[in-house]
């Protein structure tokens, strides 16, 4: 019985350690993510679209953004273009009403 408990505890600790190791970001990833997040927030604020979009910045500085249906096509394409030209943002995947209107920019080597 005591042997089973030890095996269980070891397995639980091993699984816990392996889970936390995969989700922890390095300082470089965290810095890249923060710079991209700041760039996205600034672009949305400057274009007065902060309340019309929700986004997620990944550790590789890529951005997934969903625009509200009330955002016009011209505003949508202008803002996505600004984000794609921003060096702190890796790439942008943008959607509106369930459709990706602007295709994904290929990664820069």
N, C-alpha and C. Protein backbone atom coordinates (compact mmCIF):
# COMPACT_ATOMS: atom_id res chain seq x y z
N UNK A 1 0.82 -1.20 0.00
CA UNK A 1 0.00 0.00 0.00
C UNK A 1 0.87 1.26 0.00
N UNK A 2 1.89 1.26 0.87
CA UNK A 2 2.77 2.41 0.95
C UNK A 2 3.51 2.61 -0.38
N UNK A 3 3.85 1.52 -1.04
CA UNK A 3 4.53 1.60 -2.34
C UNK A 3 3.62 2.23 -3.39
N UNK A 4 2.32 1.90 -3.36
CA UNK A 4 1.36 2.49 -4.30
C UNK A 4 1.21 4.00 -4.09
N UNK A 5 1.22 4.42 -2.85
CA UNK A 5 1.10 5.84 -2.55
C UNK A 5 2.34 6.59 -3.06
N UNK A 6 3.51 6.00 -2.85
CA UNK A 6 4.74 6.63 -3.34
C UNK A 6 4.73 6.74 -4.86
N UNK A 7 4.28 5.71 -5.54
CA UNK A 7 4.20 5.74 -7.00
C UNK A 7 3.21 6.81 -7.45
N UNK A 8 2.08 6.89 -6.78
CA UNK A 8 1.07 7.89 -7.12
C UNK A 8 1.63 9.31 -6.92
N UNK A 9 2.26 9.55 -5.79
CA UNK A 9 2.81 10.87 -5.51
C UNK A 9 3.90 11.25 -6.52
N UNK A 10 4.77 10.31 -6.84
CA UNK A 10 5.81 10.58 -7.82
C UNK A 10 5.20 10.90 -9.18
N UNK A 11 4.20 10.13 -9.59
CA UNK A 11 3.54 10.38 -10.87
C UNK A 11 2.85 11.74 -10.89
N UNK A 12 2.19 12.07 -9.82
CA UNK A 12 1.50 13.36 -9.75
C UNK A 12 2.49 14.52 -9.82
N UNK A 13 3.60 14.43 -9.10
CA UNK A 13 4.62 15.48 -9.15
C UNK A 13 5.26 15.58 -10.53
N UNK A 14 5.49 14.44 -11.15
CA UNK A 14 6.09 14.43 -12.49
C UNK A 14 5.16 15.10 -13.49
N UNK A 15 3.87 14.76 -13.45
CA UNK A 15 2.91 15.37 -14.36
C UNK A 15 2.76 16.86 -14.10
N UNK A 16 2.74 17.25 -12.86
CA UNK A 16 2.62 18.67 -12.52
C UNK A 16 3.84 19.45 -13.02
N UNK A 17 5.02 18.89 -12.83
CA UNK A 17 6.24 19.57 -13.28
C UNK A 17 6.28 19.68 -14.79
N UNK A 18 5.85 18.67 -15.50
CA UNK A 18 5.88 18.71 -16.96
C UNK A 18 4.84 19.69 -17.50
N UNK A 19 3.72 19.84 -16.83
CA UNK A 19 2.71 20.80 -17.28
C UNK A 19 3.18 22.23 -17.09
N UNK A 20 3.77 22.54 -15.97
CA UNK A 20 4.21 23.91 -15.73
C UNK A 20 5.39 24.27 -16.60
N UNK A 21 6.23 23.33 -16.94
CA UNK A 21 7.38 23.61 -17.78
C UNK A 21 6.99 24.01 -19.19
N UNK A 22 5.89 23.53 -19.70
CA UNK A 22 5.48 23.82 -21.06
C UNK A 22 4.77 25.17 -21.17
N UNK A 23 4.27 25.69 -20.09
CA UNK A 23 3.51 26.93 -20.16
C UNK A 23 4.32 28.15 -19.73
N UNK A 24 5.47 27.93 -19.12
CA UNK A 24 6.27 29.05 -18.66
C UNK A 24 6.94 29.74 -19.85
N UNK A 25 6.92 31.06 -19.84
CA UNK A 25 7.54 31.84 -20.90
C UNK A 25 8.93 32.28 -20.48
N UNK A 26 9.84 32.35 -21.43
CA UNK A 26 11.15 32.90 -21.15
C UNK A 26 11.02 34.42 -21.07
N UNK A 27 12.04 35.06 -20.56
CA UNK A 27 12.02 36.52 -20.47
C UNK A 27 11.94 37.15 -21.86
N UNK A 28 12.62 36.55 -22.83
CA UNK A 28 12.58 37.08 -24.21
C UNK A 28 11.18 36.96 -24.80
N UNK A 29 10.51 35.82 -24.57
CA UNK A 29 9.14 35.64 -25.07
C UNK A 29 8.20 36.63 -24.41
N UNK A 30 8.36 36.82 -23.11
CA UNK A 30 7.51 37.75 -22.37
C UNK A 30 7.70 39.17 -22.88
N UNK A 31 8.94 39.57 -23.13
CA UNK A 31 9.23 40.92 -23.64
C UNK A 31 8.65 41.11 -25.03
N UNK A 32 8.80 40.09 -25.90
CA UNK A 32 8.26 40.16 -27.25
C UNK A 32 6.74 40.26 -27.22
N UNK A 33 6.12 39.48 -26.35
CA UNK A 33 4.66 39.49 -26.22
C UNK A 33 4.17 40.84 -25.70
N UNK A 34 4.86 41.40 -24.73
CA UNK A 34 4.46 42.70 -24.18
C UNK A 34 4.61 43.82 -25.20
N UNK A 35 5.68 43.78 -26.00
CA UNK A 35 5.88 44.80 -27.02
C UNK A 35 4.78 44.73 -28.07
N UNK A 36 4.42 43.51 -28.48
CA UNK A 36 3.36 43.34 -29.47
C UNK A 36 2.01 43.77 -28.89
N UNK A 37 1.75 43.44 -27.63
CA UNK A 37 0.51 43.84 -26.98
C UNK A 37 0.40 45.36 -26.92
N UNK A 38 1.47 46.03 -26.58
CA UNK A 38 1.48 47.50 -26.52
C UNK A 38 1.22 48.09 -27.91
N UNK A 39 1.85 47.50 -28.93
CA UNK A 39 1.67 48.00 -30.30
C UNK A 39 0.22 47.86 -30.75
N UNK A 40 -0.40 46.71 -30.47
CA UNK A 40 -1.80 46.49 -30.86
C UNK A 40 -2.71 47.48 -30.13
N UNK A 41 -2.52 47.61 -28.82
CA UNK A 41 -3.36 48.53 -28.04
C UNK A 41 -3.22 49.97 -28.53
N UNK A 42 -2.00 50.37 -28.87
CA UNK A 42 -1.76 51.72 -29.36
C UNK A 42 -2.45 51.95 -30.70
N UNK A 43 -2.33 51.00 -31.61
CA UNK A 43 -2.96 51.13 -32.93
C UNK A 43 -4.48 51.19 -32.80
N UNK A 44 -5.05 50.33 -31.97
CA UNK A 44 -6.51 50.36 -31.77
C UNK A 44 -6.95 51.68 -31.15
N UNK A 45 -6.20 52.17 -30.17
CA UNK A 45 -6.54 53.43 -29.51
C UNK A 45 -6.47 54.59 -30.49
N UNK A 46 -5.38 54.65 -31.27
CA UNK A 46 -5.20 55.75 -32.21
C UNK A 46 -6.29 55.77 -33.29
N UNK A 47 -6.84 54.62 -33.60
CA UNK A 47 -7.90 54.53 -34.61
C UNK A 47 -9.29 54.50 -33.99
N UNK A 48 -9.37 54.73 -32.68
CA UNK A 48 -10.62 54.75 -31.92
C UNK A 48 -11.43 53.47 -32.10
N UNK A 49 -10.72 52.33 -32.07
CA UNK A 49 -11.37 51.03 -32.21
C UNK A 49 -11.13 50.13 -31.01
N UNK A 50 -10.67 50.70 -29.91
CA UNK A 50 -10.38 49.91 -28.72
C UNK A 50 -11.57 49.11 -28.21
N UNK A 51 -12.76 49.65 -28.34
CA UNK A 51 -13.95 48.96 -27.86
C UNK A 51 -14.62 48.10 -28.92
N UNK A 52 -14.03 48.04 -30.11
CA UNK A 52 -14.64 47.30 -31.20
C UNK A 52 -13.84 46.08 -31.63
N UNK A 53 -12.89 45.68 -30.81
CA UNK A 53 -12.07 44.53 -31.17
C UNK A 53 -11.59 43.83 -29.90
N UNK A 54 -11.40 42.53 -30.01
CA UNK A 54 -10.76 41.77 -28.94
C UNK A 54 -9.61 41.01 -29.57
N UNK A 55 -8.53 40.87 -28.83
CA UNK A 55 -7.35 40.25 -29.41
C UNK A 55 -6.59 39.44 -28.39
N UNK A 56 -5.73 38.57 -28.91
CA UNK A 56 -4.86 37.75 -28.10
C UNK A 56 -3.48 37.80 -28.73
N UNK A 57 -2.47 38.10 -27.92
CA UNK A 57 -1.09 38.14 -28.39
C UNK A 57 -0.39 36.89 -27.89
N UNK A 58 0.21 36.15 -28.79
CA UNK A 58 0.92 34.92 -28.44
C UNK A 58 2.37 35.23 -28.09
N UNK A 59 3.06 34.27 -27.50
CA UNK A 59 4.44 34.47 -27.06
C UNK A 59 5.39 34.73 -28.22
N UNK A 60 5.03 34.36 -29.44
CA UNK A 60 5.88 34.64 -30.60
C UNK A 60 5.54 35.99 -31.23
N UNK A 61 4.74 36.79 -30.56
CA UNK A 61 4.32 38.13 -30.98
C UNK A 61 3.31 38.11 -32.11
N UNK A 62 2.73 36.96 -32.41
CA UNK A 62 1.65 36.92 -33.39
C UNK A 62 0.35 37.31 -32.71
N UNK A 63 -0.56 37.90 -33.49
CA UNK A 63 -1.80 38.45 -32.95
C UNK A 63 -2.99 37.82 -33.64
N UNK A 64 -3.96 37.42 -32.85
CA UNK A 64 -5.26 36.99 -33.36
C UNK A 64 -6.25 38.04 -32.89
N UNK A 65 -6.94 38.67 -33.83
CA UNK A 65 -7.85 39.77 -33.47
C UNK A 65 -9.20 39.56 -34.14
N UNK A 66 -10.24 39.84 -33.38
CA UNK A 66 -11.61 39.72 -33.85
C UNK A 66 -12.27 41.09 -33.78
N UNK A 67 -12.69 41.59 -34.93
CA UNK A 67 -13.33 42.89 -34.99
C UNK A 67 -14.85 42.74 -34.93
N UNK A 68 -15.49 43.70 -34.28
CA UNK A 68 -16.93 43.76 -34.20
C UNK A 68 -17.50 44.01 -35.61
N UNK A 69 -18.71 43.57 -35.84
CA UNK A 69 -19.35 43.76 -37.14
C UNK A 69 -19.58 45.23 -37.47
N UNK A 70 -19.59 46.10 -36.47
CA UNK A 70 -19.83 47.52 -36.72
C UNK A 70 -18.62 48.23 -37.34
N UNK A 71 -17.45 47.59 -37.35
CA UNK A 71 -16.24 48.20 -37.92
C UNK A 71 -16.33 48.14 -39.44
N UNK A 72 -16.13 49.27 -40.09
CA UNK A 72 -16.23 49.31 -41.56
C UNK A 72 -15.05 48.56 -42.18
N UNK A 73 -15.23 48.15 -43.43
CA UNK A 73 -14.18 47.43 -44.14
C UNK A 73 -12.93 48.29 -44.29
N UNK A 74 -13.09 49.58 -44.54
CA UNK A 74 -11.92 50.45 -44.71
C UNK A 74 -11.15 50.59 -43.39
N UNK A 75 -11.87 50.72 -42.27
CA UNK A 75 -11.20 50.79 -40.96
C UNK A 75 -10.49 49.47 -40.66
N UNK A 76 -11.17 48.39 -40.94
CA UNK A 76 -10.63 47.04 -40.70
C UNK A 76 -9.32 46.85 -41.45
N UNK A 77 -9.32 47.12 -42.76
CA UNK A 77 -8.12 46.89 -43.57
C UNK A 77 -7.01 47.88 -43.22
N UNK A 78 -7.35 49.10 -42.88
CA UNK A 78 -6.34 50.09 -42.50
C UNK A 78 -5.63 49.65 -41.21
N UNK A 79 -6.42 49.25 -40.22
CA UNK A 79 -5.84 48.86 -38.93
C UNK A 79 -5.02 47.58 -39.07
N UNK A 80 -5.51 46.61 -39.80
CA UNK A 80 -4.74 45.38 -40.00
C UNK A 80 -3.44 45.70 -40.74
N UNK A 81 -3.50 46.58 -41.72
CA UNK A 81 -2.29 46.99 -42.43
C UNK A 81 -1.28 47.66 -41.51
N UNK A 82 -1.77 48.51 -40.61
CA UNK A 82 -0.88 49.15 -39.64
C UNK A 82 -0.23 48.12 -38.72
N UNK A 83 -1.02 47.14 -38.29
CA UNK A 83 -0.47 46.11 -37.41
C UNK A 83 0.57 45.26 -38.15
N UNK A 84 0.30 44.95 -39.39
CA UNK A 84 1.24 44.13 -40.15
C UNK A 84 2.52 44.87 -40.50
N UNK A 85 2.49 46.18 -40.50
CA UNK A 85 3.70 46.95 -40.78
C UNK A 85 4.48 47.26 -39.50
N UNK A 86 3.92 46.95 -38.36
CA UNK A 86 4.57 47.21 -37.07
C UNK A 86 5.63 46.13 -36.81
N UNK A 87 6.90 46.50 -36.62
CA UNK A 87 7.95 45.50 -36.43
C UNK A 87 7.82 44.67 -35.15
N UNK A 88 7.13 45.20 -34.13
CA UNK A 88 6.98 44.44 -32.88
C UNK A 88 5.92 43.34 -32.97
N UNK A 89 5.13 43.34 -34.04
CA UNK A 89 4.08 42.34 -34.21
C UNK A 89 4.55 41.31 -35.24
N UNK A 90 4.56 40.04 -34.84
CA UNK A 90 5.05 38.99 -35.72
C UNK A 90 4.20 38.80 -36.95
N UNK A 91 2.95 38.49 -36.77
CA UNK A 91 1.98 38.42 -37.86
C UNK A 91 0.59 38.59 -37.27
N UNK A 92 -0.37 38.82 -38.15
CA UNK A 92 -1.73 39.15 -37.70
C UNK A 92 -2.72 38.24 -38.39
N UNK A 93 -3.59 37.66 -37.60
CA UNK A 93 -4.73 36.92 -38.12
C UNK A 93 -5.97 37.67 -37.66
N UNK A 94 -6.69 38.25 -38.61
CA UNK A 94 -7.83 39.11 -38.28
C UNK A 94 -9.12 38.54 -38.85
N UNK A 95 -10.17 38.62 -38.05
CA UNK A 95 -11.48 38.12 -38.46
C UNK A 95 -12.55 39.14 -38.13
N UNK A 96 -13.62 39.05 -38.92
CA UNK A 96 -14.81 39.86 -38.65
C UNK A 96 -16.00 39.03 -39.06
N UNK A 97 -16.95 38.88 -38.17
CA UNK A 97 -18.16 38.09 -38.42
C UNK A 97 -17.82 36.67 -38.87
N UNK A 98 -16.77 36.09 -38.27
CA UNK A 98 -16.41 34.71 -38.57
C UNK A 98 -15.64 34.50 -39.86
N UNK A 99 -15.28 35.60 -40.56
CA UNK A 99 -14.52 35.49 -41.82
C UNK A 99 -13.18 36.19 -41.67
N UNK A 100 -12.16 35.58 -42.24
CA UNK A 100 -10.85 36.22 -42.29
C UNK A 100 -10.80 37.04 -43.57
N UNK A 101 -10.95 38.35 -43.43
CA UNK A 101 -11.03 39.22 -44.60
C UNK A 101 -9.65 39.50 -45.17
N UNK A 102 -8.70 39.82 -44.32
CA UNK A 102 -7.32 40.07 -44.77
C UNK A 102 -6.53 38.77 -44.59
N UNK A 103 -5.94 38.24 -45.66
CA UNK A 103 -5.19 36.98 -45.53
C UNK A 103 -3.95 37.16 -44.64
N UNK A 104 -3.52 36.06 -44.08
CA UNK A 104 -2.38 36.05 -43.18
C UNK A 104 -1.11 36.44 -43.91
N UNK A 105 -0.34 37.34 -43.32
CA UNK A 105 0.95 37.74 -43.90
C UNK A 105 1.95 36.61 -43.67
N UNK A 106 2.71 36.22 -44.70
CA UNK A 106 3.71 35.17 -44.50
C UNK A 106 4.80 35.66 -43.55
N UNK A 107 5.37 34.76 -42.75
CA UNK A 107 6.39 35.18 -41.80
C UNK A 107 7.65 35.69 -42.53
N UNK A 108 8.30 36.67 -41.92
CA UNK A 108 9.52 37.25 -42.48
C UNK A 108 10.71 36.46 -41.96
N UNK A 109 11.63 36.09 -42.84
CA UNK A 109 12.81 35.32 -42.42
C UNK A 109 13.88 36.19 -41.86
